[in-house]
Amino acid sequence: MSEDTPERIPEGPRKIRIVGRPFLKAVFKTDEQAKSFFCRQKIGHFKRHIDEMHARERELESIIIPGNGEASTFIYNLLKEARDLYVDGYFYGCIAICCVISERVMKDLARDSIRIADSQGIRSPSDEALEKLERVDFRTLWEFLLKCGIISKEISKVTQKLAEMRNDYLHGNGANTQIDAKEAITNLTKILRGTVANFNNYDFREGHFRSYQGPKK
C-alpha cells in the first residue's frame, strides 16, 4: 500500500477510509517508534514529489513585506503559509488563505486611511469605531477604497477576482484547484505590490534587487 493512500478497513462488503493513523498506537510500543515511522513516511512523500514541488516554487514571485508590526507580521506569516501550501500541493487551503489576506489588506487600508475633520482638527476614528469596518460588506469596502483613490482600478479588478474565487470554493464549486491556486497567489501578489509591499518595482533574484519583470521563467 502506498504511504500516500489512506488505510482501508473492510466493513462487510463495503470499505471505509480513515483520516489519521489510529493504528500507530496499536502497532508500535513506544511513541518514538511511531514517530520514526511517521518521519520515514514524510521523507518518502517529499522525495517522490520533490520535482513537482520545486517546479511550483520556481513559479512564484518574490515580494518584500515591510515593517515588523502586528499587521505586517500577520500578512507575512499568512502569505508564507499560502505559498508553502501551493508548493506542497494543498491548493484548496492556498486559495482560502489568499482570500483571507486580500480581505485583511483592504480592511487595514480603510483603517489607515479614514480621518475625521472637526473643530478639534484632523484625527483618526476610535478603535471602537474602526472595529465596525469588520462588518462592512467586502465588495462595498473595496469599491469605497477605489472611489477614494486609495486603490487603483487594477487592484480593484484582481480583488474582485479573488472574492469571486472565494465564493466558488466556499460553496465547494471549485474545479481547477492547481490553476486557481496559482492565479490566487498571482492576484494576491498584485494586490500587495500595489498597496503594502516595499520595493514595488524590484524583485530579489540571484542575490540582487532587479527591476520587476514578472514571474521567473
C-alpha atoms as a PDB file:
ATOM      1  CA  MET A   1       0.000   0.000   0.000  1.00  0.00           C
ATOM      2  CA  SER A   2       1.315   3.438  -0.907  1.00  0.00           C
ATOM      3  CA  GLU A   3       2.181   5.692   2.002  1.00  0.00           C
ATOM      4  CA  ASP A   4       0.096   8.411   0.340  1.00  0.00           C
ATOM      5  CA  THR A   5      -3.033   6.227   0.319  1.00  0.00           C
ATOM      6  CA  PRO A   6      -5.295   6.280   3.415  1.00  0.00           C
ATOM      7  CA  GLU A   7      -5.714   2.931   5.159  1.00  0.00           C
ATOM      8  CA  ARG A   8      -8.764   0.962   4.036  1.00  0.00           C
ATOM      9  CA  ILE A   9     -10.508  -1.172   6.642  1.00  0.00           C
ATOM     10  CA  PRO A  10     -13.075  -3.754   5.461  1.00  0.00           C
ATOM     11  CA  GLU A  11     -16.571  -3.436   6.860  1.00  0.00           C
ATOM     12  CA  GLY A  12     -18.606  -6.285   5.473  1.00  0.00           C
ATOM     13  CA  PRO A  13     -18.969  -5.926   1.710  1.00  0.00           C
ATOM     14  CA  ARG A  14     -18.048  -2.229   1.874  1.00  0.00           C
ATOM     15  CA  LYS A  15     -14.852  -0.346   2.711  1.00  0.00           C
ATOM     16  CA  ILE A  16     -14.202   2.844   4.623  1.00  0.00           C
ATOM     17  CA  ARG A  17     -11.257   5.242   4.693  1.00  0.00           C
ATOM     18  CA  ILE A  18      -9.855   6.679   7.892  1.00  0.00           C
ATOM     19  CA  VAL A  19      -8.281  10.120   8.088  1.00  0.00           C
ATOM     20  CA  GLY A  20      -5.383   9.828  10.508  1.00  0.00           C
ATOM     21  CA  ARG A  21      -3.205   6.984  11.748  1.00  0.00           C
ATOM     22  CA  PRO A  22      -5.052   5.322  14.652  1.00  0.00           C
ATOM     23  CA  PHE A  23      -3.189   2.067  14.044  1.00  0.00           C
ATOM     24  CA  LEU A  24       0.147   3.583  15.099  1.00  0.00           C
ATOM     25  CA  LYS A  25      -0.572   3.210  18.802  1.00  0.00           C
ATOM     26  CA  ALA A  26      -1.595  -0.399  18.299  1.00  0.00           C
ATOM     27  CA  VAL A  27       1.392  -1.378  16.152  1.00  0.00           C
ATOM     28  CA  PHE A  28       4.225   0.449  17.895  1.00  0.00           C
ATOM     29  CA  LYS A  29       5.089   0.032  21.552  1.00  0.00           C
ATOM     30  CA  THR A  30       6.602   3.484  22.025  1.00  0.00           C
ATOM     31  CA  ASP A  31       5.904   6.947  20.724  1.00  0.00           C
ATOM     32  CA  GLU A  32       9.481   7.137  19.419  1.00  0.00           C
ATOM     33  CA  GLN A  33       8.847   4.131  17.160  1.00  0.00           C
ATOM     34  CA  ALA A  34       5.634   5.685  15.877  1.00  0.00           C
ATOM     35  CA  LYS A  35       7.410   8.994  15.298  1.00  0.00           C
ATOM     36  CA  SER A  36      10.219   7.273  13.394  1.00  0.00           C
ATOM     37  CA  PHE A  37       7.688   5.567  11.136  1.00  0.00           C
ATOM     38  CA  PHE A  38       5.857   8.869  10.608  1.00  0.00           C
ATOM     39  CA  CYS A  39       9.158  10.565   9.751  1.00  0.00           C
ATOM     40  CA  ARG A  40      10.013   7.911   7.138  1.00  0.00           C
ATOM     41  CA  GLN A  41       6.610   8.405   5.549  1.00  0.00           C
ATOM     42  CA  LYS A  42       7.072  12.171   5.306  1.00  0.00           C
ATOM     43  CA  ILE A  43      10.582  11.845   3.886  1.00  0.00           C
ATOM     44  CA  GLY A  44       9.325   9.315   1.333  1.00  0.00           C
ATOM     45  CA  HIS A  45       6.496  11.621   0.294  1.00  0.00           C
ATOM     46  CA  PHE A  46       8.925  14.518  -0.066  1.00  0.00           C
ATOM     47  CA  LYS A  47      11.336  12.510  -2.219  1.00  0.00           C
ATOM     48  CA  ARG A  48       8.553  11.279  -4.513  1.00  0.00           C
ATOM     49  CA  HIS A  49       7.144  14.769  -5.117  1.00  0.00           C
ATOM     50  CA  ILE A  50      10.261  16.960  -4.920  1.00  0.00           C
ATOM     51  CA  ASP A  51      10.429  17.655  -8.676  1.00  0.00           C
ATOM     52  CA  GLU A  52       6.884  18.988  -8.931  1.00  0.00           C
ATOM     53  CA  MET A  53       7.238  20.881  -5.641  1.00  0.00           C
ATOM     54  CA  HIS A  54      10.430  22.531  -6.865  1.00  0.00           C
ATOM     55  CA  ALA A  55       8.753  23.442 -10.158  1.00  0.00           C
ATOM     56  CA  ARG A  56       5.865  25.111  -8.339  1.00  0.00           C
ATOM     57  CA  GLU A  57       8.250  27.012  -6.069  1.00  0.00           C
ATOM     58  CA  ARG A  58      10.051  28.454  -9.103  1.00  0.00           C
ATOM     59  CA  GLU A  59       6.750  29.778 -10.469  1.00  0.00           C
ATOM     60  CA  LEU A  60       6.261  32.149  -7.548  1.00  0.00           C
ATOM     61  CA  GLU A  61       7.426  35.752  -7.435  1.00  0.00           C
ATOM     62  CA  SER A  62       9.416  37.085  -4.512  1.00  0.00           C
ATOM     63  CA  ILE A  63       7.978  40.007  -2.599  1.00  0.00           C
ATOM     64  CA  ILE A  64       9.017  42.103   0.388  1.00  0.00           C
ATOM     65  CA  ILE A  65       6.537  42.896   3.162  1.00  0.00           C
ATOM     66  CA  PRO A  66       7.845  45.929   5.087  1.00  0.00           C
ATOM     67  CA  GLY A  67       7.656  46.510   8.825  1.00  0.00           C
ATOM     68  CA  ASN A  68       7.622  44.245  11.842  1.00  0.00           C
ATOM     69  CA  GLY A  69       4.361  45.339  13.448  1.00  0.00           C
ATOM     70  CA  GLU A  70       1.382  43.134  14.175  1.00  0.00           C
ATOM     71  CA  ALA A  71      -0.394  43.804  10.857  1.00  0.00           C
ATOM     72  CA  SER A  72       2.652  43.251   8.611  1.00  0.00           C
ATOM     73  CA  THR A  73       3.677  40.153  10.585  1.00  0.00           C
ATOM     74  CA  PHE A  74       0.167  38.741  10.172  1.00  0.00           C
ATOM     75  CA  ILE A  75       0.266  39.285   6.407  1.00  0.00           C
ATOM     76  CA  TYR A  76       3.824  37.933   6.112  1.00  0.00           C
ATOM     77  CA  ASN A  77       3.004  34.749   8.036  1.00  0.00           C
ATOM     78  CA  LEU A  78      -0.188  34.052   6.093  1.00  0.00           C
ATOM     79  CA  LEU A  79       1.457  34.791   2.745  1.00  0.00           C
ATOM     80  CA  LYS A  80       4.273  32.381   3.559  1.00  0.00           C
ATOM     81  CA  GLU A  81       1.732  29.747   4.607  1.00  0.00           C
ATOM     82  CA  ALA A  82      -0.230  30.208   1.367  1.00  0.00           C
ATOM     83  CA  ARG A  83       2.926  29.829  -0.717  1.00  0.00           C
ATOM     84  CA  ASP A  84       4.018  26.746   1.256  1.00  0.00           C
ATOM     85  CA  LEU A  85       0.597  25.171   0.722  1.00  0.00           C
ATOM     86  CA  TYR A  86       0.837  25.815  -3.020  1.00  0.00           C
ATOM     87  CA  VAL A  87       4.332  24.345  -3.253  1.00  0.00           C
ATOM     88  CA  ASP A  88       3.288  21.288  -1.216  1.00  0.00           C
ATOM     89  CA  GLY A  89       0.227  20.737  -3.409  1.00  0.00           C
ATOM     90  CA  TYR A  90      -2.519  21.760  -0.978  1.00  0.00           C
ATOM     91  CA  PHE A  91      -4.329  24.068  -3.377  1.00  0.00           C
ATOM     92  CA  TYR A  92      -7.687  24.437  -1.663  1.00  0.00           C
ATOM     93  CA  GLY A  93      -6.068  25.729   1.529  1.00  0.00           C
ATOM     94  CA  CYS A  94      -3.827  28.031  -0.507  1.00  0.00           C
ATOM     95  CA  ILE A  95      -6.839  29.658  -2.168  1.00  0.00           C
ATOM     96  CA  ALA A  96      -8.615  30.145   1.158  1.00  0.00           C
ATOM     97  CA  ILE A  97      -5.636  31.902   2.753  1.00  0.00           C
ATOM     98  CA  CYS A  98      -5.059  34.168  -0.276  1.00  0.00           C
ATOM     99  CA  CYS A  99      -8.655  35.342   0.020  1.00  0.00           C
ATOM    100  CA  VAL A 100      -8.249  35.952   3.757  1.00  0.00           C
ATOM    101  CA  ILE A 101      -5.149  38.086   3.163  1.00  0.00           C
ATOM    102  CA  SER A 102      -6.792  40.203   0.442  1.00  0.00           C
ATOM    103  CA  GLU A 103      -9.734  40.980   2.713  1.00  0.00           C
ATOM    104  CA  ARG A 104      -7.419  41.822   5.605  1.00  0.00           C
ATOM    105  CA  VAL A 105      -5.353  44.177   3.435  1.00  0.00           C
ATOM    106  CA  MET A 106      -8.443  46.089   2.286  1.00  0.00           C
ATOM    107  CA  LYS A 107      -9.750  46.458   5.832  1.00  0.00           C
ATOM    108  CA  ASP A 108      -6.373  47.651   7.083  1.00  0.00           C
ATOM    109  CA  LEU A 109      -6.138  50.161   4.225  1.00  0.00           C
ATOM    110  CA  ALA A 110      -9.522  51.548   5.229  1.00  0.00           C
ATOM    111  CA  ARG A 111      -8.452  51.721   8.884  1.00  0.00           C
ATOM    112  CA  ASP A 112      -5.272  53.604   7.990  1.00  0.00           C
ATOM    113  CA  SER A 113      -6.965  55.986   5.560  1.00  0.00           C
ATOM    114  CA  ILE A 114     -10.117  57.171   7.339  1.00  0.00           C
ATOM    115  CA  ARG A 115      -9.767  60.509   9.154  1.00  0.00           C
ATOM    116  CA  ILE A 116     -12.229  62.777  10.933  1.00  0.00           C
ATOM    117  CA  ALA A 117     -12.051  66.567  10.471  1.00  0.00           C
ATOM    118  CA  ASP A 118     -13.894  68.625  13.084  1.00  0.00           C
ATOM    119  CA  SER A 119     -13.404  71.633  15.346  1.00  0.00           C
ATOM    120  CA  GLN A 120     -10.637  69.775  17.163  1.00  0.00           C
ATOM    121  CA  GLY A 121      -8.659  69.247  13.970  1.00  0.00           C
ATOM    122  CA  ILE A 122      -7.946  66.088  11.998  1.00  0.00           C
ATOM    123  CA  ARG A 123      -7.859  62.803  13.863  1.00  0.00           C
ATOM    124  CA  SER A 124      -8.282  59.080  13.421  1.00  0.00           C
ATOM    125  CA  PRO A 125     -11.517  57.383  14.493  1.00  0.00           C
ATOM    126  CA  SER A 126     -11.509  55.473  17.757  1.00  0.00           C
ATOM    127  CA  ASP A 127     -10.610  51.794  17.791  1.00  0.00           C
ATOM    128  CA  GLU A 128     -14.212  51.037  18.697  1.00  0.00           C
ATOM    129  CA  ALA A 129     -15.431  52.892  15.600  1.00  0.00           C
ATOM    130  CA  LEU A 130     -12.862  51.246  13.319  1.00  0.00           C
ATOM    131  CA  GLU A 131     -13.875  47.835  14.592  1.00  0.00           C
ATOM    132  CA  LYS A 132     -17.206  48.344  12.795  1.00  0.00           C
ATOM    133  CA  LEU A 133     -15.313  48.044   9.496  1.00  0.00           C
ATOM    134  CA  GLU A 134     -15.046  44.315  10.179  1.00  0.00           C
ATOM    135  CA  ARG A 135     -18.785  44.063   9.497  1.00  0.00           C
ATOM    136  CA  VAL A 136     -18.800  46.030   6.256  1.00  0.00           C
ATOM    137  CA  ASP A 137     -19.579  44.039   3.098  1.00  0.00           C
ATOM    138  CA  PHE A 138     -16.273  43.273   1.377  1.00  0.00           C
ATOM    139  CA  ARG A 139     -17.350  44.485  -2.080  1.00  0.00           C
ATOM    140  CA  THR A 140     -18.625  47.737  -0.584  1.00  0.00           C
ATOM    141  CA  LEU A 141     -15.310  48.201   1.200  1.00  0.00           C
ATOM    142  CA  TRP A 142     -13.004  47.810  -1.801  1.00  0.00           C
ATOM    143  CA  GLU A 143     -15.312  49.879  -4.017  1.00  0.00           C
ATOM    144  CA  PHE A 144     -15.163  52.616  -1.372  1.00  0.00           C
ATOM    145  CA  LEU A 145     -11.356  52.470  -1.439  1.00  0.00           C
ATOM    146  CA  LEU A 146     -11.417  52.654  -5.247  1.00  0.00           C
ATOM    147  CA  LYS A 147     -13.707  55.703  -5.285  1.00  0.00           C
ATOM    148  CA  CYS A 148     -11.462  57.409  -2.726  1.00  0.00           C
ATOM    149  CA  GLY A 149      -8.406  56.795  -4.916  1.00  0.00           C
ATOM    150  CA  ILE A 150      -6.735  54.616  -2.271  1.00  0.00           C
ATOM    151  CA  ILE A 151      -6.503  51.614  -4.596  1.00  0.00           C
ATOM    152  CA  SER A 152      -6.230  51.525  -8.389  1.00  0.00           C
ATOM    153  CA  LYS A 153      -8.674  50.024 -10.887  1.00  0.00           C
ATOM    154  CA  GLU A 154      -6.243  47.147 -11.466  1.00  0.00           C
ATOM    155  CA  ILE A 155      -6.147  46.337  -7.745  1.00  0.00           C
ATOM    156  CA  SER A 156      -9.933  46.547  -7.634  1.00  0.00           C
ATOM    157  CA  LYS A 157     -10.236  44.053 -10.510  1.00  0.00           C
ATOM    158  CA  VAL A 158      -7.907  41.444  -9.019  1.00  0.00           C
ATOM    159  CA  THR A 159      -9.569  41.875  -5.621  1.00  0.00           C
ATOM    160  CA  GLN A 160     -12.897  41.119  -7.281  1.00  0.00           C
ATOM    161  CA  LYS A 161     -11.437  38.010  -8.922  1.00  0.00           C
ATOM    162  CA  LEU A 162     -10.233  36.736  -5.555  1.00  0.00           C
ATOM    163  CA  ALA A 163     -13.609  37.461  -3.962  1.00  0.00           C
ATOM    164  CA  GLU A 164     -15.405  35.520  -6.715  1.00  0.00           C
ATOM    165  CA  MET A 165     -12.973  32.629  -6.335  1.00  0.00           C
ATOM    166  CA  ARG A 166     -13.578  32.657  -2.588  1.00  0.00           C
ATOM    167  CA  ASN A 167     -17.331  32.328  -3.111  1.00  0.00           C
ATOM    168  CA  ASP A 168     -16.872  29.436  -5.553  1.00  0.00           C
ATOM    169  CA  TYR A 169     -14.642  27.470  -3.205  1.00  0.00           C
ATOM    170  CA  LEU A 170     -16.659  28.345  -0.116  1.00  0.00           C
ATOM    171  CA  HIS A 171     -19.595  26.541  -1.714  1.00  0.00           C
ATOM    172  CA  GLY A 172     -17.499  23.645  -2.995  1.00  0.00           C
ATOM    173  CA  ASN A 173     -17.732  24.716  -6.644  1.00  0.00           C
ATOM    174  CA  GLY A 174     -14.012  24.990  -7.398  1.00  0.00           C
ATOM    175  CA  ALA A 175     -12.913  22.847 -10.333  1.00  0.00           C
ATOM    176  CA  ASN A 176      -9.288  23.538 -11.314  1.00  0.00           C
ATOM    177  CA  THR A 177      -7.637  23.786  -7.923  1.00  0.00           C
ATOM    178  CA  GLN A 178      -3.983  23.995  -9.000  1.00  0.00           C
ATOM    179  CA  ILE A 179      -4.670  26.559 -11.732  1.00  0.00           C
ATOM    180  CA  ASP A 180      -6.911  28.568  -9.410  1.00  0.00           C
ATOM    181  CA  ALA A 181      -4.366  28.438  -6.578  1.00  0.00           C
ATOM    182  CA  LYS A 182      -1.639  29.811  -8.856  1.00  0.00           C
ATOM    183  CA  GLU A 183      -4.000  32.566 -10.024  1.00  0.00           C
ATOM    184  CA  ALA A 184      -4.919  33.354  -6.406  1.00  0.00           C
ATOM    185  CA  ILE A 185      -1.270  33.840  -5.418  1.00  0.00           C
ATOM    186  CA  THR A 186      -0.595  35.894  -8.560  1.00  0.00           C
ATOM    187  CA  ASN A 187      -3.560  38.173  -7.880  1.00  0.00           C
ATOM    188  CA  LEU A 188      -2.692  38.479  -4.198  1.00  0.00           C
ATOM    189  CA  THR A 189       0.879  39.452  -5.117  1.00  0.00           C
ATOM    190  CA  LYS A 190      -0.508  42.187  -7.384  1.00  0.00           C
ATOM    191  CA  ILE A 191      -2.624  43.468  -4.504  1.00  0.00           C
ATOM    192  CA  LEU A 192       0.328  43.522  -2.126  1.00  0.00           C
ATOM    193  CA  ARG A 193       2.637  45.143  -4.690  1.00  0.00           C
ATOM    194  CA  GLY A 194       0.035  47.855  -5.247  1.00  0.00           C
ATOM    195  CA  THR A 195      -0.639  48.500  -1.561  1.00  0.00           C
ATOM    196  CA  VAL A 196       1.606  47.408   1.300  1.00  0.00           C
ATOM    197  CA  ALA A 197       4.703  45.861  -0.318  1.00  0.00           C
ATOM    198  CA  ASN A 198       8.000  47.706  -0.283  1.00  0.00           C
ATOM    199  CA  PHE A 199      10.352  47.945  -3.273  1.00  0.00           C
ATOM    200  CA  ASN A 200       7.306  47.596  -5.563  1.00  0.00           C
ATOM    201  CA  ASN A 201       9.365  47.972  -8.735  1.00  0.00           C
ATOM    202  CA  TYR A 202      12.044  45.446  -7.804  1.00  0.00           C
ATOM    203  CA  ASP A 203      12.386  41.704  -7.429  1.00  0.00           C
ATOM    204  CA  PHE A 204      15.089  39.839  -5.476  1.00  0.00           C
ATOM    205  CA  ARG A 205      16.889  37.436  -7.804  1.00  0.00           C
ATOM    206  CA  GLU A 206      20.312  35.833  -7.782  1.00  0.00           C
ATOM    207  CA  GLY A 207      21.304  37.770  -4.685  1.00  0.00           C
ATOM    208  CA  HIS A 208      20.471  41.211  -6.096  1.00  0.00           C
ATOM    209  CA  PHE A 209      17.495  43.549  -6.431  1.00  0.00           C
ATOM    210  CA  ARG A 210      16.462  43.701 -10.075  1.00  0.00           C
ATOM    211  CA  SER A 211      13.733  45.605 -11.889  1.00  0.00           C
ATOM    212  CA  TYR A 212      10.490  43.674 -11.555  1.00  0.00           C
ATOM    213  CA  GLN A 213       9.510  41.947 -14.817  1.00  0.00           C
ATOM    214  CA  GLY A 214       7.009  39.341 -13.677  1.00  0.00           C
ATOM    215  CA  PRO A 215       7.323  35.686 -12.591  1.00  0.00           C
ATOM    216  CA  LYS A 216      10.515  33.726 -13.082  1.00  0.00           C
ATOM    217  CA  LYS A 217      10.539  31.523 -16.159  1.00  0.00           C
END
